[in-house]
Amino acid sequence: MITSLLRLLFTKSLKPFIFRNDNKTEFNTDVPELGLYVHIPFCLTLCPFCPYNKVKYNKKLVSSYKDALIKEINIVGKLNRNTNQISSIYFGGGSPALMIDELSDIFIALKNNFNIKSNIGIELHPQDINNDTLSKLREIGFDMISIGIQSFNKKTLNTLGRNYIDGSEKVKIAASFDFLTIDVDLMFGIDGQTKEDLRRDFISAFTSGATQVSTYPFIDFSYANNKSTPLKKGDKKVLLRSLEEISEEFNCSRTAVWTFGKKDVPKYSSVTRDNFIGFGASATTLLKDSFKVNTFSVEEYIHSLNSNKVPTALTLNFTKRTRALYWLFWNSYTLKISNENFKNLFNLNLDSMFKLELSLGRILGLIRKTKDGYELTEKGTYKYHLIEQAYTHQYIDKTWSVLRKDAWPDNIKLY
């Protein structure tokens, strides 16, 4: 309900957002900064709580997937007209390290098509962390890692349906490899989880060697196979507040709604790039005037590229206002809304497009003015926390549910 009301308020239109299967091969990369995302869908075990696109590891399928991935990179690379240095690269999954022996070839393909220097991150499952894998990652060029610990607590992991691994030991091993950033993903709002449990998780992450902690609320997706439901809104609020308190004790900066990091250390983020191209099954691409989603089916992804076709399943074409709204939503997640960045991207001042909305935000105490735009207040940060979860249920859950069932849907309408 809240997302529908906000859509009407901000878009000033009754029309829904419509993703269409338009079969167009267009990539308008005429943007100030461009990031890259690579999706590796393979996992040894399928965690019931994880909503992301994933399949069981299969060596034969991995080989075919690598070939298809390189083909997609080469096809899109030829269409790319942006010669600027890539702002960042992020490998997600799945468990990307399961393709450790294939990552070098994939990385070479990226370097052959894009201007790559640094800020190269990868998501790691704790079970994949060992000296050999980390050495190979450093040799390839990865300088940032994100470890999906979720919790250091055996009982909490059991509630999530994940086998216990000594997470502290895994973070300590990673800390010995001189990565610029070591992010630890934690989850909060899990049934039975207490403020003290979350506090211990936060302390364990930083004392083991993390430079940043990302704390995501447990969201029960409609298609997930969770054994339990998330805590109620009020209980989640208590846990979120406890994270704010412990981060202050550790002298951490809050760099996003759910992220806390050591000061003067590069931050790691998988969701806040202004423009990016995604490669792989279920990968998304955000550019100047469109948002594209690749087919979720690994088999159909491979088949499409074997036929020399880009694997785009759906495209949402933006108006200038809806593209600006997308930017506003995800930049609000970082707590800072930069007028300079907005102007570089849209050739407009923030206030010229969102004067009424920003004024209302100030009146309601959700944002305050800064030298370069606005920043979220404590009240605004909590409201964003609530809205983002509603957005996930209303839009992301629906979109992913459809794409999990249908490799090439005709369209999806989001109201």
Foldseek 3Di string as FASTA:
>chain_A
DVVQVVCCVQVVDNAFFKWFQPQDDADPFPAPAAAAEEEDAEDCDDFLLDPDQHDHDDPVLLVLQLVLLLLLLVLVLVNDPDADEHPAYEYEYDAVLVVLVSVLVNLVSNVVRYRYDARYEYEHELVSADPVSLVSCVVSHHQEYEYAQQFCDQVQCVQRVHHHDNNLVRLLSNQVSNRLFYEYEYEDQGPPDALVRLLVRVVSNVVSHGQKYFYYYRARFPPGDGPDHGHDPVRRVVNLVSVVVSLVVVVWDQQFLGMTGRPPGDDDDDQQDLFYYYTDAQTWGGHLFKIWGFFSDSVVSSVCVVVVGHRTQIMGTHDNSVSLVVNVLRVLRRQDDFQVSSCSNNVDGPCVSCVPVVVVCVVVQQWDADPGGIGGDPVVSSVSSVVVSVCCRQPVSVVSVVSVVDRHDRMDTGD
